[in-house]
């Protein structure tokens, strides 16, 4: 069974643990099976690639690596601080709510 995650593609997050602690960026992709996400500009790794039609030069390429969801915290748009995420039913719809400002995300 795959658990529903509270962080989604397009959210602005802050890394709260690990080597890249304090880095902020936008979530580019979420991997539900591994409970991990790729954050733009964070957790950069060097990868060696063979020459191909897409990359005829080959060589060392910098790219973002996956980060576990537990090491990410959503940024509240109103205050700019890290916040937790909750769910509420408002106007008959289930919406994500910032625990800090109590506003819809």
PDB file of N, CA and C in Angstrom:
ATOM      1  N   UNK A   1       0.841  -1.185   0.000  1.00  0.00           N
ATOM      2  CA  UNK A   1       0.000   0.000   0.000  1.00  0.00           C
ATOM      3  C   UNK A   1       0.888   1.252   0.000  1.00  0.00           C
ATOM      4  N   UNK A   2       0.560   2.201  -0.831  1.00  0.00           N
ATOM      5  CA  UNK A   2       1.312   3.443  -0.939  1.00  0.00           C
ATOM      6  C   UNK A   2       0.629   4.497  -0.073  1.00  0.00           C
ATOM      7  N   UNK A   3       1.414   5.121   0.800  1.00  0.00           N
ATOM      8  CA  UNK A   3       0.915   6.152   1.691  1.00  0.00           C
ATOM      9  C   UNK A   3       0.799   7.476   0.946  1.00  0.00           C
ATOM     10  N   UNK A   4      -0.235   8.249   1.263  1.00  0.00           N
ATOM     11  CA  UNK A   4      -0.402   9.565   0.656  1.00  0.00           C
ATOM     12  C   UNK A   4       0.549  10.542   1.325  1.00  0.00           C
ATOM     13  N   UNK A   5       1.272  11.298   0.521  1.00  0.00           N
ATOM     14  CA  UNK A   5       2.254  12.239   1.046  1.00  0.00           C
ATOM     15  C   UNK A   5       1.670  13.646   1.120  1.00  0.00           C
ATOM     16  N   UNK A   6       2.138  14.421   2.091  1.00  0.00           N
ATOM     17  CA  UNK A   6       1.634  15.781   2.274  1.00  0.00           C
ATOM     18  C   UNK A   6       2.408  16.806   1.459  1.00  0.00           C
ATOM     19  N   UNK A   7       3.539  16.390   0.876  1.00  0.00           N
ATOM     20  CA  UNK A   7       4.325  17.276   0.012  1.00  0.00           C
ATOM     21  C   UNK A   7       4.079  16.875  -1.429  1.00  0.00           C
ATOM     22  N   UNK A   8       3.767  17.857  -2.265  1.00  0.00           N
ATOM     23  CA  UNK A   8       3.414  17.579  -3.654  1.00  0.00           C
ATOM     24  C   UNK A   8       4.340  18.334  -4.607  1.00  0.00           C
ATOM     25  N   UNK A   9       4.312  17.943  -5.874  1.00  0.00           N
ATOM     26  CA  UNK A   9       5.109  18.602  -6.901  1.00  0.00           C
ATOM     27  C   UNK A   9       4.713  20.077  -6.992  1.00  0.00           C
ATOM     28  N   UNK A  10       5.716  20.946  -7.035  1.00  0.00           N
ATOM     29  CA  UNK A  10       5.459  22.379  -7.133  1.00  0.00           C
ATOM     30  C   UNK A  10       5.513  23.108  -5.800  1.00  0.00           C
ATOM     31  N   UNK A  11       5.511  22.386  -4.674  1.00  0.00           N
ATOM     32  CA  UNK A  11       5.598  23.013  -3.355  1.00  0.00           C
ATOM     33  C   UNK A  11       7.003  23.566  -3.126  1.00  0.00           C
ATOM     34  N   UNK A  12       7.089  24.629  -2.356  1.00  0.00           N
ATOM     35  CA  UNK A  12       8.381  25.161  -1.933  1.00  0.00           C
ATOM     36  C   UNK A  12       8.689  24.559  -0.569  1.00  0.00           C
ATOM     37  N   UNK A  13       9.865  23.930  -0.465  1.00  0.00           N
ATOM     38  CA  UNK A  13      10.224  23.230   0.765  1.00  0.00           C
ATOM     39  C   UNK A  13      11.599  23.661   1.262  1.00  0.00           C
ATOM     40  N   UNK A  14      11.864  23.363   2.534  1.00  0.00           N
ATOM     41  CA  UNK A  14      13.175  23.582   3.143  1.00  0.00           C
ATOM     42  C   UNK A  14      13.676  22.225   3.626  1.00  0.00           C
ATOM     43  N   UNK A  15      14.961  21.948   3.384  1.00  0.00           N
ATOM     44  CA  UNK A  15      15.561  20.708   3.862  1.00  0.00           C
ATOM     45  C   UNK A  15      15.914  20.919   5.330  1.00  0.00           C
ATOM     46  N   UNK A  16      15.428  20.015   6.204  1.00  0.00           N
ATOM     47  CA  UNK A  16      15.585  20.200   7.645  1.00  0.00           C
ATOM     48  C   UNK A  16      16.596  19.244   8.260  1.00  0.00           C
ATOM     49  N   UNK A  17      17.178  18.343   7.474  1.00  0.00           N
ATOM     50  CA  UNK A  17      18.163  17.409   8.007  1.00  0.00           C
ATOM     51  C   UNK A  17      19.111  16.980   6.901  1.00  0.00           C
ATOM     52  N   UNK A  18      20.316  16.594   7.291  1.00  0.00           N
ATOM     53  CA  UNK A  18      21.283  16.084   6.332  1.00  0.00           C
ATOM     54  C   UNK A  18      22.303  17.126   5.924  1.00  0.00           C
ATOM     55  N   UNK A  19      23.119  16.772   4.928  1.00  0.00           N
ATOM     56  CA  UNK A  19      24.203  17.638   4.469  1.00  0.00           C
ATOM     57  C   UNK A  19      23.715  18.955   3.888  1.00  0.00           C
ATOM     58  N   UNK A  20      22.518  18.982   3.339  1.00  0.00           N
ATOM     59  CA  UNK A  20      21.998  20.167   2.658  1.00  0.00           C
ATOM     60  C   UNK A  20      20.969  20.897   3.509  1.00  0.00           C
ATOM     61  N   UNK A  21      21.073  20.752   4.835  1.00  0.00           N
ATOM     62  CA  UNK A  21      20.132  21.370   5.771  1.00  0.00           C
ATOM     63  C   UNK A  21      20.077  22.881   5.559  1.00  0.00           C
ATOM     64  N   UNK A  22      18.853  23.440   5.506  1.00  0.00           N
ATOM     65  CA  UNK A  22      18.665  24.868   5.331  1.00  0.00           C
ATOM     66  C   UNK A  22      18.415  25.287   3.895  1.00  0.00           C
ATOM     67  N   UNK A  23      18.695  24.408   2.946  1.00  0.00           N
ATOM     68  CA  UNK A  23      18.490  24.731   1.534  1.00  0.00           C
ATOM     69  C   UNK A  23      16.996  24.744   1.212  1.00  0.00           C
ATOM     70  N   UNK A  24      16.579  25.731   0.435  1.00  0.00           N
ATOM     71  CA  UNK A  24      15.185  25.822   0.014  1.00  0.00           C
ATOM     72  C   UNK A  24      15.102  25.639  -1.497  1.00  0.00           C
ATOM     73  N   UNK A  25      13.988  25.083  -1.952  1.00  0.00           N
ATOM     74  CA  UNK A  25      13.772  24.908  -3.380  1.00  0.00           C
ATOM     75  C   UNK A  25      12.382  24.384  -3.662  1.00  0.00           C
ATOM     76  N   UNK A  26      12.095  24.277  -4.944  1.00  0.00           N
ATOM     77  CA  UNK A  26      10.795  23.797  -5.394  1.00  0.00           C
ATOM     78  C   UNK A  26      10.870  22.292  -5.657  1.00  0.00           C
ATOM     79  N   UNK A  27       9.832  21.562  -5.284  1.00  0.00           N
ATOM     80  CA  UNK A  27       9.781  20.120  -5.510  1.00  0.00           C
ATOM     81  C   UNK A  27       9.509  19.886  -6.996  1.00  0.00           C
ATOM     82  N   UNK A  28      10.440  19.177  -7.646  1.00  0.00           N
ATOM     83  CA  UNK A  28      10.294  18.919  -9.077  1.00  0.00           C
ATOM     84  C   UNK A  28       9.529  17.623  -9.337  1.00  0.00           C
ATOM     85  N   UNK A  29       9.790  16.600  -8.501  1.00  0.00           N
ATOM     86  CA  UNK A  29       9.149  15.300  -8.701  1.00  0.00           C
ATOM     87  C   UNK A  29       9.068  14.577  -7.366  1.00  0.00           C
ATOM     88  N   UNK A  30       8.014  13.771  -7.186  1.00  0.00           N
ATOM     89  CA  UNK A  30       7.846  12.972  -5.970  1.00  0.00           C
ATOM     90  C   UNK A  30       7.758  11.510  -6.371  1.00  0.00           C
ATOM     91  N   UNK A  31       8.522  10.651  -5.674  1.00  0.00           N
ATOM     92  CA  UNK A  31       8.495   9.210  -5.903  1.00  0.00           C
ATOM     93  C   UNK A  31       7.715   8.572  -4.758  1.00  0.00           C
ATOM     94  N   UNK A  32       6.468   8.165  -5.012  1.00  0.00           N
ATOM     95  CA  UNK A  32       5.596   7.624  -3.974  1.00  0.00           C
ATOM     96  C   UNK A  32       6.078   6.288  -3.433  1.00  0.00           C
ATOM     97  N   UNK A  33       6.675   5.449  -4.287  1.00  0.00           N
ATOM     98  CA  UNK A  33       7.108   4.117  -3.853  1.00  0.00           C
ATOM     99  C   UNK A  33       8.232   4.202  -2.823  1.00  0.00           C
ATOM    100  N   UNK A  34       9.139   5.174  -2.999  1.00  0.00           N
ATOM    101  CA  UNK A  34      10.299   5.312  -2.114  1.00  0.00           C
ATOM    102  C   UNK A  34      10.101   6.382  -1.046  1.00  0.00           C
ATOM    103  N   UNK A  35       8.986   7.125  -1.079  1.00  0.00           N
ATOM    104  CA  UNK A  35       8.734   8.257  -0.174  1.00  0.00           C
ATOM    105  C   UNK A  35       9.853   9.290  -0.267  1.00  0.00           C
ATOM    106  N   UNK A  36      10.281   9.605  -1.488  1.00  0.00           N
ATOM    107  CA  UNK A  36      11.363  10.554  -1.709  1.00  0.00           C
ATOM    108  C   UNK A  36      10.942  11.586  -2.744  1.00  0.00           C
ATOM    109  N   UNK A  37      11.660  12.715  -2.763  1.00  0.00           N
ATOM    110  CA  UNK A  37      11.368  13.795  -3.700  1.00  0.00           C
ATOM    111  C   UNK A  37      12.664  14.378  -4.240  1.00  0.00           C
ATOM    112  N   UNK A  38      12.561  15.047  -5.389  1.00  0.00           N
ATOM    113  CA  UNK A  38      13.687  15.765  -5.965  1.00  0.00           C
ATOM    114  C   UNK A  38      13.401  17.246  -5.790  1.00  0.00           C
ATOM    115  N   UNK A  39      14.333  17.956  -5.124  1.00  0.00           N
ATOM    116  CA  UNK A  39      14.196  19.381  -4.866  1.00  0.00           C
ATOM    117  C   UNK A  39      15.152  20.132  -5.788  1.00  0.00           C
ATOM    118  N   UNK A  40      14.640  21.142  -6.469  1.00  0.00           N
ATOM    119  CA  UNK A  40      15.410  21.906  -7.446  1.00  0.00           C
ATOM    120  C   UNK A  40      16.595  22.610  -6.783  1.00  0.00           C
ATOM    121  N   UNK A  41      17.794  22.335  -7.295  1.00  0.00           N
ATOM    122  CA  UNK A  41      19.000  22.989  -6.813  1.00  0.00           C
ATOM    123  C   UNK A  41      19.564  22.452  -5.511  1.00  0.00           C
ATOM    124  N   UNK A  42      18.998  21.379  -4.984  1.00  0.00           N
ATOM    125  CA  UNK A  42      19.476  20.826  -3.713  1.00  0.00           C
ATOM    126  C   UNK A  42      19.909  19.377  -3.901  1.00  0.00           C
ATOM    127  N   UNK A  43      20.829  18.920  -3.044  1.00  0.00           N
ATOM    128  CA  UNK A  43      21.327  17.546  -3.068  1.00  0.00           C
ATOM    129  C   UNK A  43      21.916  17.189  -4.431  1.00  0.00           C
ATOM    130  N   UNK A  44      22.776  18.082  -4.934  1.00  0.00           N
ATOM    131  CA  UNK A  44      23.407  17.869  -6.232  1.00  0.00           C
ATOM    132  C   UNK A  44      24.485  16.791  -6.129  1.00  0.00           C
ATOM    133  N   UNK A  45      24.493  15.873  -7.092  1.00  0.00           N
ATOM    134  CA  UNK A  45      25.493  14.812  -7.146  1.00  0.00           C
ATOM    135  C   UNK A  45      26.144  14.820  -8.526  1.00  0.00           C
ATOM    136  N   UNK A  46      27.377  14.330  -8.601  1.00  0.00           N
ATOM    137  CA  UNK A  46      28.073  14.204  -9.873  1.00  0.00           C
ATOM    138  C   UNK A  46      27.865  12.801 -10.405  1.00  0.00           C
ATOM    139  N   UNK A  47      27.475  12.700 -11.661  1.00  0.00           N
ATOM    140  CA  UNK A  47      27.216  11.401 -12.270  1.00  0.00           C
ATOM    141  C   UNK A  47      28.017  11.310 -13.565  1.00  0.00           C
ATOM    142  N   UNK A  48      28.704  10.205 -13.744  1.00  0.00           N
ATOM    143  CA  UNK A  48      29.464   9.988 -14.963  1.00  0.00           C
ATOM    144  C   UNK A  48      28.533   9.411 -16.022  1.00  0.00           C
ATOM    145  N   UNK A  49      28.502  10.008 -17.217  1.00  0.00           N
ATOM    146  CA  UNK A  49      27.635   9.526 -18.287  1.00  0.00           C
ATOM    147  C   UNK A  49      28.460   9.218 -19.527  1.00  0.00           C
ATOM    148  N   UNK A  50      28.105   8.110 -20.147  1.00  0.00           N
ATOM    149  CA  UNK A  50      28.757   7.736 -21.400  1.00  0.00           C
ATOM    150  C   UNK A  50      28.230   8.628 -22.519  1.00  0.00           C
ATOM    151  N   UNK A  51      29.026   8.839 -23.569  1.00  0.00           N
ATOM    152  CA  UNK A  51      28.522   9.598 -24.718  1.00  0.00           C
ATOM    153  C   UNK A  51      27.318   8.891 -25.345  1.00  0.00           C
ATOM    154  N   UNK A  52      26.303   9.665 -25.717  1.00  0.00           N
ATOM    155  CA  UNK A  52      25.102   9.127 -26.351  1.00  0.00           C
ATOM    156  C   UNK A  52      24.598  10.151 -27.359  1.00  0.00           C
ATOM    157  N   UNK A  53      23.512   9.820 -28.028  1.00  0.00           N
ATOM    158  CA  UNK A  53      22.948  10.749 -28.999  1.00  0.00           C
ATOM    159  C   UNK A  53      22.447  12.015 -28.302  1.00  0.00           C
ATOM    160  N   UNK A  54      21.911  11.863 -27.096  1.00  0.00           N
ATOM    161  CA  UNK A  54      21.399  12.996 -26.343  1.00  0.00           C
ATOM    162  C   UNK A  54      22.537  13.858 -25.787  1.00  0.00           C
ATOM    163  N   UNK A  55      23.623  13.204 -25.362  1.00  0.00           N
ATOM    164  CA  UNK A  55      24.784  13.901 -24.805  1.00  0.00           C
ATOM    165  C   UNK A  55      26.040  13.362 -25.497  1.00  0.00           C
ATOM    166  N   UNK A  56      26.382  13.886 -26.695  1.00  0.00           N
ATOM    167  CA  UNK A  56      27.501  13.328 -27.460  1.00  0.00           C
ATOM    168  C   UNK A  56      28.868  13.501 -26.791  1.00  0.00           C
ATOM    169  N   UNK A  57      29.004  14.509 -25.933  1.00  0.00           N
ATOM    170  CA  UNK A  57      30.271  14.734 -25.257  1.00  0.00           C
ATOM    171  C   UNK A  57      30.499  13.729 -24.123  1.00  0.00           C
ATOM    172  N   UNK A  58      29.426  13.376 -23.392  1.00  0.00           N
ATOM    173  CA  UNK A  58      29.583  12.504 -22.232  1.00  0.00           C
ATOM    174  C   UNK A  58      30.230  13.267 -21.095  1.00  0.00           C
ATOM    175  N   UNK A  59      30.814  12.546 -20.139  1.00  0.00           N
ATOM    176  CA  UNK A  59      31.549  13.187 -19.052  1.00  0.00           C
ATOM    177  C   UNK A  59      30.771  13.259 -17.765  1.00  0.00           C
ATOM    178  N   UNK A  60      31.188  14.183 -16.900  1.00  0.00           N
ATOM    179  CA  UNK A  60      30.589  14.321 -15.581  1.00  0.00           C
ATOM    180  C   UNK A  60      29.422  15.306 -15.658  1.00  0.00           C
ATOM    181  N   UNK A  61      28.257  14.891 -15.157  1.00  0.00           N
ATOM    182  CA  UNK A  61      27.042  15.695 -15.184  1.00  0.00           C
ATOM    183  C   UNK A  61      26.568  15.905 -13.752  1.00  0.00           C
ATOM    184  N   UNK A  62      26.219  17.143 -13.405  1.00  0.00           N
ATOM    185  CA  UNK A  62      25.644  17.451 -12.084  1.00  0.00           C
ATOM    186  C   UNK A  62      24.124  17.351 -12.188  1.00  0.00           C
ATOM    187  N   UNK A  63      23.512  16.644 -11.230  1.00  0.00           N
ATOM    188  CA  UNK A  63      22.057  16.538 -11.218  1.00  0.00           C
ATOM    189  C   UNK A  63      21.557  16.364  -9.799  1.00  0.00           C
ATOM    190  N   UNK A  64      20.257  16.633  -9.604  1.00  0.00           N
ATOM    191  CA  UNK A  64      19.655  16.513  -8.284  1.00  0.00           C
ATOM    192  C   UNK A  64      19.382  15.053  -7.960  1.00  0.00           C
ATOM    193  N   UNK A  65      19.587  14.683  -6.698  1.00  0.00           N
ATOM    194  CA  UNK A  65      19.304  13.327  -6.236  1.00  0.00           C
ATOM    195  C   UNK A  65      18.065  13.354  -5.337  1.00  0.00           C
ATOM    196  N   UNK A  66      17.499  12.183  -5.093  1.00  0.00           N
ATOM    197  CA  UNK A  66      16.315  12.065  -4.253  1.00  0.00           C
ATOM    198  C   UNK A  66      16.629  12.382  -2.794  1.00  0.00           C
ATOM    199  N   UNK A  67      15.661  12.979  -2.103  1.00  0.00           N
ATOM    200  CA  UNK A  67      15.743  13.259  -0.672  1.00  0.00           C
ATOM    201  C   UNK A  67      14.498  12.672  -0.029  1.00  0.00           C
ATOM    202  N   UNK A  68      14.653  12.040   1.133  1.00  0.00           N
ATOM    203  CA  UNK A  68      13.504  11.444   1.813  1.00  0.00           C
ATOM    204  C   UNK A  68      12.546  12.540   2.278  1.00  0.00           C
ATOM    205  N   UNK A  69      11.244  12.271   2.179  1.00  0.00           N
ATOM    206  CA  UNK A  69      10.199  13.235   2.527  1.00  0.00           C
ATOM    207  C   UNK A  69      10.323  13.693   3.981  1.00  0.00           C
ATOM    208  N   UNK A  70      10.783  12.809   4.876  1.00  0.00           N
ATOM    209  CA  UNK A  70      10.892  13.170   6.295  1.00  0.00           C
ATOM    210  C   UNK A  70      11.933  14.257   6.523  1.00  0.00           C
ATOM    211  N   UNK A  71      12.829  14.490   5.575  1.00  0.00           N
ATOM    212  CA  UNK A  71      13.853  15.524   5.689  1.00  0.00           C
ATOM    213  C   UNK A  71      13.420  16.844   5.055  1.00  0.00           C
ATOM    214  N   UNK A  72      12.152  16.944   4.644  1.00  0.00           N
ATOM    215  CA  UNK A  72      11.634  18.151   4.007  1.00  0.00           C
ATOM    216  C   UNK A  72      10.521  18.757   4.848  1.00  0.00           C
ATOM    217  N   UNK A  73      10.448  20.085   4.856  1.00  0.00           N
ATOM    218  CA  UNK A  73       9.373  20.791   5.542  1.00  0.00           C
ATOM    219  C   UNK A  73       8.816  21.844   4.602  1.00  0.00           C
ATOM    220  N   UNK A  74       7.513  21.901   4.499  1.00  0.00           N
ATOM    221  CA  UNK A  74       6.849  22.852   3.611  1.00  0.00           C
ATOM    222  C   UNK A  74       7.050  24.285   4.112  1.00  0.00           C
ATOM    223  N   UNK A  75       7.233  25.227   3.190  1.00  0.00           N
ATOM    224  CA  UNK A  75       7.392  26.636   3.530  1.00  0.00           C
ATOM    225  C   UNK A  75       6.018  27.305   3.459  1.00  0.00           C
ATOM    226  N   UNK A  76       5.646  27.990   4.542  1.00  0.00           N
ATOM    227  CA  UNK A  76       4.384  28.716   4.600  1.00  0.00           C
ATOM    228  C   UNK A  76       4.506  29.971   3.726  1.00  0.00           C
ATOM    229  N   UNK A  77       3.590  30.141   2.782  1.00  0.00           N
ATOM    230  CA  UNK A  77       3.652  31.261   1.845  1.00  0.00           C
ATOM    231  C   UNK A  77       3.467  32.607   2.548  1.00  0.00           C
ATOM    232  N   UNK A  78       2.696  32.631   3.627  1.00  0.00           N
ATOM    233  CA  UNK A  78       2.404  33.880   4.325  1.00  0.00           C
ATOM    234  C   UNK A  78       3.591  34.372   5.152  1.00  0.00           C
ATOM    235  N   UNK A  79       4.171  33.483   5.965  1.00  0.00           N
ATOM    236  CA  UNK A  79       5.237  33.899   6.881  1.00  0.00           C
ATOM    237  C   UNK A  79       6.640  33.570   6.377  1.00  0.00           C
ATOM    238  N   UNK A  80       6.762  32.605   5.484  1.00  0.00           N
ATOM    239  CA  UNK A  80       8.068  32.199   4.976  1.00  0.00           C
ATOM    240  C   UNK A  80       8.797  31.226   5.886  1.00  0.00           C
ATOM    241  N   UNK A  81       8.131  30.746   6.934  1.00  0.00           N
ATOM    242  CA  UNK A  81       8.716  29.778   7.858  1.00  0.00           C
ATOM    243  C   UNK A  81       8.292  28.366   7.493  1.00  0.00           C
ATOM    244  N   UNK A  82       9.041  27.395   8.004  1.00  0.00           N
ATOM    245  CA  UNK A  82       8.677  25.995   7.812  1.00  0.00           C
ATOM    246  C   UNK A  82       7.414  25.695   8.618  1.00  0.00           C
ATOM    247  N   UNK A  83       6.537  24.889   8.069  1.00  0.00           N
ATOM    248  CA  UNK A  83       5.280  24.563   8.734  1.00  0.00           C
ATOM    249  C   UNK A  83       4.896  23.118   8.486  1.00  0.00           C
ATOM    250  N   UNK A  84       4.039  22.607   9.342  1.00  0.00           N
ATOM    251  CA  UNK A  84       3.495  21.268   9.125  1.00  0.00           C
ATOM    252  C   UNK A  84       2.216  21.393   8.305  1.00  0.00           C
ATOM    253  N   UNK A  85       1.760  20.270   7.756  1.00  0.00           N
ATOM    254  CA  UNK A  85       0.595  20.268   6.872  1.00  0.00           C
ATOM    255  C   UNK A  85      -0.500  19.415   7.483  1.00  0.00           C
ATOM    256  N   UNK A  86      -1.724  19.938   7.448  1.00  0.00           N
ATOM    257  CA  UNK A  86      -2.882  19.187   7.904  1.00  0.00           C
ATOM    258  C   UNK A  86      -3.954  19.218   6.834  1.00  0.00           C
ATOM    259  N   UNK A  87      -4.991  18.441   7.049  1.00  0.00           N
ATOM    260  CA  UNK A  87      -6.114  18.403   6.112  1.00  0.00           C
ATOM    261  C   UNK A  87      -7.380  18.821   6.831  1.00  0.00           C
ATOM    262  N   UNK A  88      -8.207  19.618   6.164  1.00  0.00           N
ATOM    263  CA  UNK A  88      -9.509  20.030   6.686  1.00  0.00           C
ATOM    264  C   UNK A  88     -10.522  19.992   5.554  1.00  0.00           C
ATOM    265  N   UNK A  89     -11.794  19.918   5.929  1.00  0.00           N
ATOM    266  CA  UNK A  89     -12.871  20.003   4.946  1.00  0.00           C
ATOM    267  C   UNK A  89     -13.427  21.412   5.013  1.00  0.00           C
ATOM    268  N   UNK A  90     -13.270  22.147   3.916  1.00  0.00           N
ATOM    269  CA  UNK A  90     -13.787  23.507   3.822  1.00  0.00           C
ATOM    270  C   UNK A  90     -14.652  23.619   2.584  1.00  0.00           C
ATOM    271  N   UNK A  91     -15.852  24.098   2.765  1.00  0.00           N
ATOM    272  CA  UNK A  91     -16.832  24.246   1.677  1.00  0.00           C
ATOM    273  C   UNK A  91     -17.058  22.933   0.957  1.00  0.00           C
ATOM    274  N   UNK A  92     -17.045  21.826   1.698  1.00  0.00           N
ATOM    275  CA  UNK A  92     -17.316  20.510   1.127  1.00  0.00           C
ATOM    276  C   UNK A  92     -16.150  19.880   0.395  1.00  0.00           C
ATOM    277  N   UNK A  93     -14.971  20.514   0.444  1.00  0.00           N
ATOM    278  CA  UNK A  93     -13.787  19.969  -0.220  1.00  0.00           C
ATOM    279  C   UNK A  93     -12.690  19.753   0.802  1.00  0.00           C
ATOM    280  N   UNK A  94     -11.918  18.671   0.636  1.00  0.00           N
ATOM    281  CA  UNK A  94     -10.782  18.380   1.493  1.00  0.00           C
ATOM    282  C   UNK A  94      -9.581  19.159   0.957  1.00  0.00           C
ATOM    283  N   UNK A  95      -8.991  20.023   1.803  1.00  0.00           N
ATOM    284  CA  UNK A  95      -7.889  20.871   1.378  1.00  0.00           C
ATOM    285  C   UNK A  95      -6.710  20.729   2.337  1.00  0.00           C
ATOM    286  N   UNK A  96      -5.504  21.029   1.829  1.00  0.00           N
ATOM    287  CA  UNK A  96      -4.316  21.057   2.678  1.00  0.00           C
ATOM    288  C   UNK A  96      -4.248  22.404   3.381  1.00  0.00           C
ATOM    289  N   UNK A  97      -3.910  22.371   4.671  1.00  0.00           N
ATOM    290  CA  UNK A  97      -3.895  23.584   5.481  1.00  0.00           C
ATOM    291  C   UNK A  97      -2.556  23.691   6.200  1.00  0.00           C
ATOM    292  N   UNK A  98      -1.993  24.900   6.225  1.00  0.00           N
ATOM    293  CA  UNK A  98      -0.779  25.172   6.973  1.00  0.00           C
ATOM    294  C   UNK A  98      -1.120  25.222   8.456  1.00  0.00           C
ATOM    295  N   UNK A  99      -0.388  24.453   9.279  1.00  0.00           N
ATOM    296  CA  UNK A  99      -0.640  24.426  10.711  1.00  0.00           C
ATOM    297  C   UNK A  99      -0.242  25.739  11.383  1.00  0.00           C
ATOM    298  N   UNK A 100       0.713  26.459  10.799  1.00  0.00           N
ATOM    299  CA  UNK A 100       1.204  27.703  11.406  1.00  0.00           C
ATOM    300  C   UNK A 100       0.243  28.863  11.178  1.00  0.00           C
ATOM    301  N   UNK A 101      -0.209  29.058   9.949  1.00  0.00           N
ATOM    302  CA  UNK A 101      -1.057  30.201   9.632  1.00  0.00           C
ATOM    303  C   UNK A 101      -2.532  29.810   9.459  1.00  0.00           C
ATOM    304  N   UNK A 102      -2.816  28.513   9.459  1.00  0.00           N
ATOM    305  CA  UNK A 102      -4.187  27.995   9.302  1.00  0.00           C
ATOM    306  C   UNK A 102      -4.814  28.445   7.984  1.00  0.00           C
ATOM    307  N   UNK A 103      -3.989  28.621   6.939  1.00  0.00           N
ATOM    308  CA  UNK A 103      -4.489  29.004   5.621  1.00  0.00           C
ATOM    309  C   UNK A 103      -4.340  27.851   4.634  1.00  0.00           C
ATOM    310  N   UNK A 104      -5.191  27.863   3.621  1.00  0.00           N
ATOM    311  CA  UNK A 104      -5.157  26.818   2.587  1.00  0.00           C
ATOM    312  C   UNK A 104      -3.893  26.941   1.756  1.00  0.00           C
ATOM    313  N   UNK A 105      -3.267  25.827   1.500  1.00  0.00           N
ATOM    314  CA  UNK A 105      -2.032  25.805   0.700  1.00  0.00           C
ATOM    315  C   UNK A 105      -2.402  25.644  -0.763  1.00  0.00           C
TER     316      UNK A 105
END
